[in-house]
Amino acid sequence: MILEDGVLLNNSVTVSHNSIIGKSSFLAPGVVISGNVKIGKENFIGSGTVVSNNTELGDNVITGIGTVITKSVIAGSSVIGNPMKILTEKIKLK
């Protein structure tokens, strides 16, 4: 597991093998990151989110509470739900 600078892991966060969490990302309580996952920089991962094996989240991705991510998400997207639905694509955070 690799945590880059400024990553914040809250209570009860689980990060499995071969995962990379990008710079300045925030993981809320109860997030589960499965093996071989790459999370880009400046992501917000909502409480109870589950990220499945072998997926990638681009930079500046926002996930809502309880989201189940089973496929890769492009940078700048906002996702929510189980199964995951894309709310917006290519948003720009300031």
PDB file of N, CA and C in Angstrom:
ATOM      1  N   MET A   1       0.842  -1.173   0.000  1.00  0.00           N
ATOM      2  CA  MET A   1       0.000   0.000   0.000  1.00  0.00           C
ATOM      3  C   MET A   1       0.889   1.239   0.000  1.00  0.00           C
ATOM      4  N   ILE A   2       0.519   2.205  -0.816  1.00  0.00           N
ATOM      5  CA  ILE A   2       1.243   3.473  -0.865  1.00  0.00           C
ATOM      6  C   ILE A   2       0.256   4.599  -0.596  1.00  0.00           C
ATOM      7  N   LEU A   3       0.580   5.435   0.399  1.00  0.00           N
ATOM      8  CA  LEU A   3      -0.197   6.630   0.693  1.00  0.00           C
ATOM      9  C   LEU A   3       0.666   7.827   0.361  1.00  0.00           C
ATOM     10  N   GLU A   4       0.215   8.651  -0.566  1.00  0.00           N
ATOM     11  CA  GLU A   4       0.982   9.835  -0.936  1.00  0.00           C
ATOM     12  C   GLU A   4       0.738  10.955   0.070  1.00  0.00           C
ATOM     13  N   ASP A   5       1.430  12.070  -0.067  1.00  0.00           N
ATOM     14  CA  ASP A   5       1.348  13.193   0.871  1.00  0.00           C
ATOM     15  C   ASP A   5      -0.074  13.715   1.032  1.00  0.00           C
ATOM     16  N   GLY A   6      -0.427  14.037   2.276  1.00  0.00           N
ATOM     17  CA  GLY A   6      -1.686  14.694   2.568  1.00  0.00           C
ATOM     18  C   GLY A   6      -2.916  13.817   2.548  1.00  0.00           C
ATOM     19  N   VAL A   7      -2.758  12.495   2.497  1.00  0.00           N
ATOM     20  CA  VAL A   7      -3.909  11.593   2.491  1.00  0.00           C
ATOM     21  C   VAL A   7      -4.488  11.524   3.900  1.00  0.00           C
ATOM     22  N   LEU A   8      -5.818  11.567   4.009  1.00  0.00           N
ATOM     23  CA  LEU A   8      -6.494  11.462   5.298  1.00  0.00           C
ATOM     24  C   LEU A   8      -7.361  10.216   5.311  1.00  0.00           C
ATOM     25  N   LEU A   9      -7.015   9.274   6.202  1.00  0.00           N
ATOM     26  CA  LEU A   9      -7.801   8.060   6.393  1.00  0.00           C
ATOM     27  C   LEU A   9      -8.559   8.195   7.710  1.00  0.00           C
ATOM     28  N   ASN A  10      -9.883   8.121   7.667  1.00  0.00           N
ATOM     29  CA  ASN A  10     -10.691   8.213   8.869  1.00  0.00           C
ATOM     30  C   ASN A  10     -10.824   6.857   9.549  1.00  0.00           C
ATOM     31  N   ASN A  11     -11.652   6.795  10.607  1.00  0.00           N
ATOM     32  CA  ASN A  11     -11.875   5.572  11.375  1.00  0.00           C
ATOM     33  C   ASN A  11     -12.409   4.445  10.503  1.00  0.00           C
ATOM     34  N   SER A  12     -11.975   3.226  10.807  1.00  0.00           N
ATOM     35  CA  SER A  12     -12.481   2.001  10.182  1.00  0.00           C
ATOM     36  C   SER A  12     -12.294   1.945   8.675  1.00  0.00           C
ATOM     37  N   VAL A  13     -11.274   2.590   8.151  1.00  0.00           N
ATOM     38  CA  VAL A  13     -10.944   2.490   6.724  1.00  0.00           C
ATOM     39  C   VAL A  13     -10.060   1.265   6.526  1.00  0.00           C
ATOM     40  N   THR A  14     -10.378   0.456   5.504  1.00  0.00           N
ATOM     41  CA  THR A  14      -9.592  -0.729   5.179  1.00  0.00           C
ATOM     42  C   THR A  14      -8.998  -0.547   3.790  1.00  0.00           C
ATOM     43  N   VAL A  15      -7.670  -0.686   3.694  1.00  0.00           N
ATOM     44  CA  VAL A  15      -6.987  -0.599   2.405  1.00  0.00           C
ATOM     45  C   VAL A  15      -6.198  -1.890   2.218  1.00  0.00           C
ATOM     46  N   SER A  16      -6.496  -2.623   1.155  1.00  0.00           N
ATOM     47  CA  SER A  16      -5.851  -3.916   0.911  1.00  0.00           C
ATOM     48  C   SER A  16      -4.575  -3.788   0.088  1.00  0.00           C
ATOM     49  N   HIS A  17      -3.991  -4.917  -0.240  1.00  0.00           N
ATOM     50  CA  HIS A  17      -2.691  -5.031  -0.903  1.00  0.00           C
ATOM     51  C   HIS A  17      -2.600  -4.305  -2.243  1.00  0.00           C
ATOM     52  N   ASN A  18      -1.385  -3.868  -2.544  1.00  0.00           N
ATOM     53  CA  ASN A  18      -1.034  -3.265  -3.838  1.00  0.00           C
ATOM     54  C   ASN A  18      -1.904  -2.076  -4.233  1.00  0.00           C
ATOM     55  N   SER A  19      -2.397  -1.331  -3.272  1.00  0.00           N
ATOM     56  CA  SER A  19      -3.226  -0.169  -3.573  1.00  0.00           C
ATOM     57  C   SER A  19      -2.425   1.117  -3.402  1.00  0.00           C
ATOM     58  N   ILE A  20      -2.776   2.123  -4.197  1.00  0.00           N
ATOM     59  CA  ILE A  20      -2.118   3.424  -4.147  1.00  0.00           C
ATOM     60  C   ILE A  20      -3.200   4.487  -3.942  1.00  0.00           C
ATOM     61  N   ILE A  21      -3.014   5.323  -2.918  1.00  0.00           N
ATOM     62  CA  ILE A  21      -3.944   6.414  -2.639  1.00  0.00           C
ATOM     63  C   ILE A  21      -3.210   7.715  -2.955  1.00  0.00           C
ATOM     64  N   GLY A  22      -3.749   8.486  -3.891  1.00  0.00           N
ATOM     65  CA  GLY A  22      -3.088   9.695  -4.383  1.00  0.00           C
ATOM     66  C   GLY A  22      -3.096  10.861  -3.414  1.00  0.00           C
ATOM     67  N   LYS A  23      -2.231  11.797  -3.692  1.00  0.00           N
ATOM     68  CA  LYS A  23      -2.000  13.001  -2.894  1.00  0.00           C
ATOM     69  C   LYS A  23      -3.301  13.732  -2.534  1.00  0.00           C
ATOM     70  N   SER A  24      -3.399  14.137  -1.267  1.00  0.00           N
ATOM     71  CA  SER A  24      -4.497  14.967  -0.746  1.00  0.00           C
ATOM     72  C   SER A  24      -5.885  14.348  -0.904  1.00  0.00           C
ATOM     73  N   SER A  25      -5.967  13.023  -0.899  1.00  0.00           N
ATOM     74  CA  SER A  25      -7.272  12.360  -0.968  1.00  0.00           C
ATOM     75  C   SER A  25      -7.836  12.178   0.433  1.00  0.00           C
ATOM     76  N   PHE A  26      -9.161  12.171   0.542  1.00  0.00           N
ATOM     77  CA  PHE A  26      -9.863  12.047   1.814  1.00  0.00           C
ATOM     78  C   PHE A  26     -10.741  10.807   1.771  1.00  0.00           C
ATOM     79  N   LEU A  27     -10.529   9.880   2.707  1.00  0.00           N
ATOM     80  CA  LEU A  27     -11.354   8.680   2.803  1.00  0.00           C
ATOM     81  C   LEU A  27     -12.149   8.753   4.101  1.00  0.00           C
ATOM     82  N   ALA A  28     -13.470   8.854   3.981  1.00  0.00           N
ATOM     83  CA  ALA A  28     -14.371   8.991   5.124  1.00  0.00           C
ATOM     84  C   ALA A  28     -14.464   7.664   5.886  1.00  0.00           C
ATOM     85  N   PRO A  29     -15.080   7.664   7.073  1.00  0.00           N
ATOM     86  CA  PRO A  29     -15.176   6.439   7.881  1.00  0.00           C
ATOM     87  C   PRO A  29     -15.851   5.286   7.140  1.00  0.00           C
ATOM     88  N   GLY A  30     -15.323   4.075   7.356  1.00  0.00           N
ATOM     89  CA  GLY A  30     -15.924   2.861   6.832  1.00  0.00           C
ATOM     90  C   GLY A  30     -15.640   2.538   5.381  1.00  0.00           C
ATOM     91  N   VAL A  31     -14.730   3.252   4.744  1.00  0.00           N
ATOM     92  CA  VAL A  31     -14.394   2.980   3.337  1.00  0.00           C
ATOM     93  C   VAL A  31     -13.589   1.683   3.258  1.00  0.00           C
ATOM     94  N   VAL A  32     -13.880   0.864   2.234  1.00  0.00           N
ATOM     95  CA  VAL A  32     -13.143  -0.374   1.994  1.00  0.00           C
ATOM     96  C   VAL A  32     -12.528  -0.308   0.602  1.00  0.00           C
ATOM     97  N   ILE A  33     -11.202  -0.364   0.550  1.00  0.00           N
ATOM     98  CA  ILE A  33     -10.470  -0.363  -0.719  1.00  0.00           C
ATOM     99  C   ILE A  33      -9.907  -1.764  -0.909  1.00  0.00           C
ATOM    100  N   SER A  34     -10.356  -2.475  -1.939  1.00  0.00           N
ATOM    101  CA  SER A  34      -9.875  -3.828  -2.200  1.00  0.00           C
ATOM    102  C   SER A  34      -8.498  -3.790  -2.841  1.00  0.00           C
ATOM    103  N   GLY A  35      -7.958  -4.943  -3.187  1.00  0.00           N
ATOM    104  CA  GLY A  35      -6.600  -5.037  -3.696  1.00  0.00           C
ATOM    105  C   GLY A  35      -6.393  -4.489  -5.092  1.00  0.00           C
ATOM    106  N   ASN A  36      -5.181  -4.003  -5.326  1.00  0.00           N
ATOM    107  CA  ASN A  36      -4.735  -3.517  -6.621  1.00  0.00           C
ATOM    108  C   ASN A  36      -5.618  -2.376  -7.150  1.00  0.00           C
ATOM    109  N   VAL A  37      -5.883  -1.407  -6.289  1.00  0.00           N
ATOM    110  CA  VAL A  37      -6.703  -0.241  -6.638  1.00  0.00           C
ATOM    111  C   VAL A  37      -5.798   0.980  -6.694  1.00  0.00           C
ATOM    112  N   LYS A  38      -6.025   1.850  -7.680  1.00  0.00           N
ATOM    113  CA  LYS A  38      -5.296   3.106  -7.759  1.00  0.00           C
ATOM    114  C   LYS A  38      -6.295   4.255  -7.666  1.00  0.00           C
ATOM    115  N   ILE A  39      -6.082   5.109  -6.669  1.00  0.00           N
ATOM    116  CA  ILE A  39      -6.932   6.281  -6.479  1.00  0.00           C
ATOM    117  C   ILE A  39      -6.080   7.508  -6.767  1.00  0.00           C
ATOM    118  N   GLY A  40      -6.545   8.359  -7.664  1.00  0.00           N
ATOM    119  CA  GLY A  40      -5.804   9.551  -8.059  1.00  0.00           C
ATOM    120  C   GLY A  40      -5.743  10.591  -6.961  1.00  0.00           C
ATOM    121  N   LYS A  41      -5.202  11.753  -7.288  1.00  0.00           N
ATOM    122  CA  LYS A  41      -5.044  12.815  -6.291  1.00  0.00           C
ATOM    123  C   LYS A  41      -6.339  13.589  -6.079  1.00  0.00           C
ATOM    124  N   GLU A  42      -6.476  14.146  -4.864  1.00  0.00           N
ATOM    125  CA  GLU A  42      -7.568  15.040  -4.483  1.00  0.00           C
ATOM    126  C   GLU A  42      -8.955  14.430  -4.675  1.00  0.00           C
ATOM    127  N   ASN A  43      -9.107  13.174  -4.265  1.00  0.00           N
ATOM    128  CA  ASN A  43     -10.403  12.502  -4.311  1.00  0.00           C
ATOM    129  C   ASN A  43     -11.107  12.612  -2.973  1.00  0.00           C
ATOM    130  N   PHE A  44     -12.439  12.597  -2.989  1.00  0.00           N
ATOM    131  CA  PHE A  44     -13.243  12.500  -1.776  1.00  0.00           C
ATOM    132  C   PHE A  44     -14.043  11.216  -1.883  1.00  0.00           C
ATOM    133  N   ILE A  45     -13.780  10.283  -0.956  1.00  0.00           N
ATOM    134  CA  ILE A  45     -14.457   8.997  -0.955  1.00  0.00           C
ATOM    135  C   ILE A  45     -15.406   8.981   0.239  1.00  0.00           C
ATOM    136  N   GLY A  46     -16.724   8.973  -0.008  1.00  0.00           N
ATOM    137  CA  GLY A  46     -17.740   9.069   1.035  1.00  0.00           C
ATOM    138  C   GLY A  46     -17.822   7.847   1.931  1.00  0.00           C
ATOM    139  N   SER A  47     -18.410   8.023   3.107  1.00  0.00           N
ATOM    140  CA  SER A  47     -18.548   6.962   4.113  1.00  0.00           C
ATOM    141  C   SER A  47     -19.166   5.699   3.540  1.00  0.00           C
ATOM    142  N   GLY A  48     -18.595   4.556   3.926  1.00  0.00           N
ATOM    143  CA  GLY A  48     -19.143   3.270   3.532  1.00  0.00           C
ATOM    144  C   GLY A  48     -18.941   2.886   2.086  1.00  0.00           C
ATOM    145  N   THR A  49     -18.158   3.633   1.343  1.00  0.00           N
ATOM    146  CA  THR A  49     -17.892   3.306  -0.058  1.00  0.00           C
ATOM    147  C   THR A  49     -17.029   2.057  -0.150  1.00  0.00           C
ATOM    148  N   VAL A  50     -17.302   1.204  -1.133  1.00  0.00           N
ATOM    149  CA  VAL A  50     -16.514   0.005  -1.395  1.00  0.00           C
ATOM    150  C   VAL A  50     -15.949   0.116  -2.806  1.00  0.00           C
ATOM    151  N   VAL A  51     -14.623  -0.043  -2.934  1.00  0.00           N
ATOM    152  CA  VAL A  51     -13.968  -0.004  -4.242  1.00  0.00           C
ATOM    153  C   VAL A  51     -13.446  -1.410  -4.534  1.00  0.00           C
ATOM    154  N   SER A  52     -13.956  -2.032  -5.603  1.00  0.00           N
ATOM    155  CA  SER A  52     -13.603  -3.408  -5.957  1.00  0.00           C
ATOM    156  C   SER A  52     -12.181  -3.538  -6.487  1.00  0.00           C
ATOM    157  N   ASN A  53     -11.704  -4.771  -6.518  1.00  0.00           N
ATOM    158  CA  ASN A  53     -10.368  -5.091  -7.016  1.00  0.00           C
ATOM    159  C   ASN A  53     -10.137  -4.566  -8.429  1.00  0.00           C
ATOM    160  N   ASN A  54      -8.877  -4.222  -8.690  1.00  0.00           N
ATOM    161  CA  ASN A  54      -8.408  -3.876 -10.042  1.00  0.00           C
ATOM    162  C   ASN A  54      -9.164  -2.726 -10.693  1.00  0.00           C
ATOM    163  N   THR A  55      -9.521  -1.713  -9.908  1.00  0.00           N
ATOM    164  CA  THR A  55     -10.175  -0.534 -10.468  1.00  0.00           C
ATOM    165  C   THR A  55      -9.310   0.693 -10.246  1.00  0.00           C
ATOM    166  N   GLU A  56      -9.616   1.740 -10.983  1.00  0.00           N
ATOM    167  CA  GLU A  56      -8.852   2.982 -10.883  1.00  0.00           C
ATOM    168  C   GLU A  56      -9.808   4.166 -10.848  1.00  0.00           C
ATOM    169  N   LEU A  57      -9.545   5.084  -9.936  1.00  0.00           N
ATOM    170  CA  LEU A  57     -10.294   6.331  -9.859  1.00  0.00           C
ATOM    171  C   LEU A  57      -9.354   7.441 -10.281  1.00  0.00           C
ATOM    172  N   GLY A  58      -9.747   8.230 -11.269  1.00  0.00           N
ATOM    173  CA  GLY A  58      -8.911   9.333 -11.726  1.00  0.00           C
ATOM    174  C   GLY A  58      -8.814  10.423 -10.669  1.00  0.00           C
ATOM    175  N   ASP A  59      -8.182  11.525 -10.996  1.00  0.00           N
ATOM    176  CA  ASP A  59      -8.045  12.654 -10.078  1.00  0.00           C
ATOM    177  C   ASP A  59      -9.399  13.356  -9.893  1.00  0.00           C
ATOM    178  N   ASN A  60      -9.577  13.963  -8.705  1.00  0.00           N
ATOM    179  CA  ASN A  60     -10.761  14.790  -8.402  1.00  0.00           C
ATOM    180  C   ASN A  60     -12.089  14.064  -8.560  1.00  0.00           C
ATOM    181  N   VAL A  61     -12.143  12.812  -8.120  1.00  0.00           N
ATOM    182  CA  VAL A  61     -13.397  12.052  -8.145  1.00  0.00           C
ATOM    183  C   VAL A  61     -14.090  12.207  -6.798  1.00  0.00           C
ATOM    184  N   ILE A  62     -15.403  12.402  -6.821  1.00  0.00           N
ATOM    185  CA  ILE A  62     -16.205  12.489  -5.606  1.00  0.00           C
ATOM    186  C   ILE A  62     -17.163  11.300  -5.598  1.00  0.00           C
ATOM    187  N   THR A  63     -17.175  10.551  -4.475  1.00  0.00           N
ATOM    188  CA  THR A  63     -18.121   9.441  -4.354  1.00  0.00           C
ATOM    189  C   THR A  63     -19.052   9.693  -3.185  1.00  0.00           C
ATOM    190  N   GLY A  64     -20.326   9.409  -3.391  1.00  0.00           N
ATOM    191  CA  GLY A  64     -21.325   9.586  -2.348  1.00  0.00           C
ATOM    192  C   GLY A  64     -21.288   8.456  -1.329  1.00  0.00           C
ATOM    193  N   ILE A  65     -22.026   8.646  -0.260  1.00  0.00           N
ATOM    194  CA  ILE A  65     -22.091   7.659   0.820  1.00  0.00           C
ATOM    195  C   ILE A  65     -22.608   6.327   0.294  1.00  0.00           C
ATOM    196  N   GLY A  66     -21.914   5.239   0.668  1.00  0.00           N
ATOM    197  CA  GLY A  66     -22.355   3.892   0.344  1.00  0.00           C
ATOM    198  C   GLY A  66     -22.204   3.467  -1.101  1.00  0.00           C
ATOM    199  N   THR A  67     -21.432   4.180  -1.871  1.00  0.00           N
ATOM    200  CA  THR A  67     -21.238   3.836  -3.284  1.00  0.00           C
ATOM    201  C   THR A  67     -20.444   2.533  -3.414  1.00  0.00           C
ATOM    202  N   VAL A  68     -20.829   1.695  -4.359  1.00  0.00           N
ATOM    203  CA  VAL A  68     -20.102   0.460  -4.650  1.00  0.00           C
ATOM    204  C   VAL A  68     -19.501   0.610  -6.042  1.00  0.00           C
ATOM    205  N   ILE A  69     -18.177   0.727  -6.085  1.00  0.00           N
ATOM    206  CA  ILE A  69     -17.466   0.981  -7.338  1.00  0.00           C
ATOM    207  C   ILE A  69     -16.899  -0.340  -7.855  1.00  0.00           C
ATOM    208  N   THR A  70     -17.393  -0.779  -9.021  1.00  0.00           N
ATOM    209  CA  THR A  70     -16.962  -2.049  -9.600  1.00  0.00           C
ATOM    210  C   THR A  70     -16.212  -1.881 -10.917  1.00  0.00           C
ATOM    211  N   LYS A  71     -16.126  -0.636 -11.397  1.00  0.00           N
ATOM    212  CA  LYS A  71     -15.367  -0.367 -12.622  1.00  0.00           C
ATOM    213  C   LYS A  71     -14.662   0.976 -12.468  1.00  0.00           C
ATOM    214  N   SER A  72     -13.680   1.216 -13.287  1.00  0.00           N
ATOM    215  CA  SER A  72     -12.877   2.430 -13.186  1.00  0.00           C
ATOM    216  C   SER A  72     -13.717   3.680 -13.464  1.00  0.00           C
ATOM    217  N   VAL A  73     -13.288   4.796 -12.844  1.00  0.00           N
ATOM    218  CA  VAL A  73     -14.002   6.070 -12.955  1.00  0.00           C
ATOM    219  C   VAL A  73     -13.037   7.110 -13.508  1.00  0.00           C
ATOM    220  N   ILE A  74     -13.471   7.865 -14.525  1.00  0.00           N
ATOM    221  CA  ILE A  74     -12.600   8.867 -15.133  1.00  0.00           C
ATOM    222  C   ILE A  74     -12.430  10.079 -14.214  1.00  0.00           C
ATOM    223  N   ALA A  75     -11.361  10.797 -14.422  1.00  0.00           N
ATOM    224  CA  ALA A  75     -11.052  11.988 -13.624  1.00  0.00           C
ATOM    225  C   ALA A  75     -12.182  13.003 -13.691  1.00  0.00           C
ATOM    226  N   GLY A  76     -12.420  13.675 -12.554  1.00  0.00           N
ATOM    227  CA  GLY A  76     -13.399  14.740 -12.508  1.00  0.00           C
ATOM    228  C   GLY A  76     -14.847  14.291 -12.453  1.00  0.00           C
ATOM    229  N   SER A  77     -15.092  13.024 -12.139  1.00  0.00           N
ATOM    230  CA  SER A  77     -16.457  12.512 -12.089  1.00  0.00           C
ATOM    231  C   SER A  77     -17.018  12.544 -10.678  1.00  0.00           C
ATOM    232  N   SER A  78     -18.336  12.524 -10.611  1.00  0.00           N
ATOM    233  CA  SER A  78     -19.057  12.420  -9.354  1.00  0.00           C
ATOM    234  C   SER A  78     -19.959  11.199  -9.474  1.00  0.00           C
ATOM    235  N   VAL A  79     -19.829  10.243  -8.522  1.00  0.00           N
ATOM    236  CA  VAL A  79     -20.571   8.986  -8.613  1.00  0.00           C
ATOM    237  C   VAL A  79     -21.289   8.692  -7.301  1.00  0.00           C
ATOM    238  N   ILE A  80     -22.368   7.896  -7.404  1.00  0.00           N
ATOM    239  CA  ILE A  80     -23.133   7.521  -6.222  1.00  0.00           C
ATOM    240  C   ILE A  80     -23.908   6.245  -6.521  1.00  0.00           C
ATOM    241  N   GLY A  81     -24.230   5.497  -5.462  1.00  0.00           N
ATOM    242  CA  GLY A  81     -25.173   4.393  -5.575  1.00  0.00           C
ATOM    243  C   GLY A  81     -24.585   3.007  -5.589  1.00  0.00           C
ATOM    244  N   ASN A  82     -25.510   2.046  -5.513  1.00  0.00           N
ATOM    245  CA  ASN A  82     -25.182   0.629  -5.574  1.00  0.00           C
ATOM    246  C   ASN A  82     -26.239  -0.026  -6.449  1.00  0.00           C
ATOM    247  N   PRO A  83     -25.922  -0.310  -7.713  1.00  0.00           N
ATOM    248  CA  PRO A  83     -24.616  -0.141  -8.356  1.00  0.00           C
ATOM    249  C   PRO A  83     -24.315   1.328  -8.657  1.00  0.00           C
ATOM    250  N   MET A  84     -23.044   1.591  -8.864  1.00  0.00           N
ATOM    251  CA  MET A  84     -22.567   2.954  -9.089  1.00  0.00           C
ATOM    252  C   MET A  84     -23.203   3.586 -10.329  1.00  0.00           C
ATOM    253  N   LYS A  85     -23.599   4.851 -10.173  1.00  0.00           N
ATOM    254  CA  LYS A  85     -24.094   5.642 -11.296  1.00  0.00           C
ATOM    255  C   LYS A  85     -23.261   6.910 -11.365  1.00  0.00           C
ATOM    256  N   ILE A  86     -22.948   7.341 -12.574  1.00  0.00           N
ATOM    257  CA  ILE A  86     -22.183   8.574 -12.762  1.00  0.00           C
ATOM    258  C   ILE A  86     -23.159   9.741 -12.780  1.00  0.00           C
ATOM    259  N   LEU A  87     -22.976  10.678 -11.841  1.00  0.00           N
ATOM    260  CA  LEU A  87     -23.836  11.862 -11.793  1.00  0.00           C
ATOM    261  C   LEU A  87     -23.326  12.941 -12.740  1.00  0.00           C
ATOM    262  N   THR A  88     -22.038  13.213 -12.665  1.00  0.00           N
ATOM    263  CA  THR A  88     -21.423  14.210 -13.534  1.00  0.00           C
ATOM    264  C   THR A  88     -20.066  13.712 -13.978  1.00  0.00           C
ATOM    265  N   GLU A  89     -19.602  14.192 -15.095  1.00  0.00           N
ATOM    266  CA  GLU A  89     -18.281  13.854 -15.611  1.00  0.00           C
ATOM    267  C   GLU A  89     -17.473  15.129 -15.832  1.00  0.00           C
ATOM    268  N   LYS A  90     -16.186  15.034 -15.568  1.00  0.00           N
ATOM    269  CA  LYS A  90     -15.226  16.087 -15.822  1.00  0.00           C
ATOM    270  C   LYS A  90     -15.557  17.402 -15.115  1.00  0.00           C
ATOM    271  N   ILE A  91     -15.939  17.312 -13.843  1.00  0.00           N
ATOM    272  CA  ILE A  91     -16.127  18.527 -13.061  1.00  0.00           C
ATOM    273  C   ILE A  91     -14.757  19.050 -12.648  1.00  0.00           C
ATOM    274  N   LYS A  92     -14.681  20.295 -12.325  1.00  0.00           N
ATOM    275  CA  LYS A  92     -13.397  20.871 -11.896  1.00  0.00           C
ATOM    276  C   LYS A  92     -13.574  21.445 -10.506  1.00  0.00           C
ATOM    277  N   LEU A  93     -12.782  20.920  -9.563  1.00  0.00           N
ATOM    278  CA  LEU A  93     -12.832  21.402  -8.183  1.00  0.00           C
ATOM    279  C   LEU A  93     -11.836  22.510  -7.990  1.00  0.00           C
ATOM    280  N   LYS A  94     -12.170  23.479  -7.138  1.00  0.00           N
ATOM    281  CA  LYS A  94     -11.231  24.573  -6.837  1.00  0.00           C
ATOM    282  C   LYS A  94     -10.749  24.431  -5.437  1.00  0.00           C
TER     283      LYS A  94
END
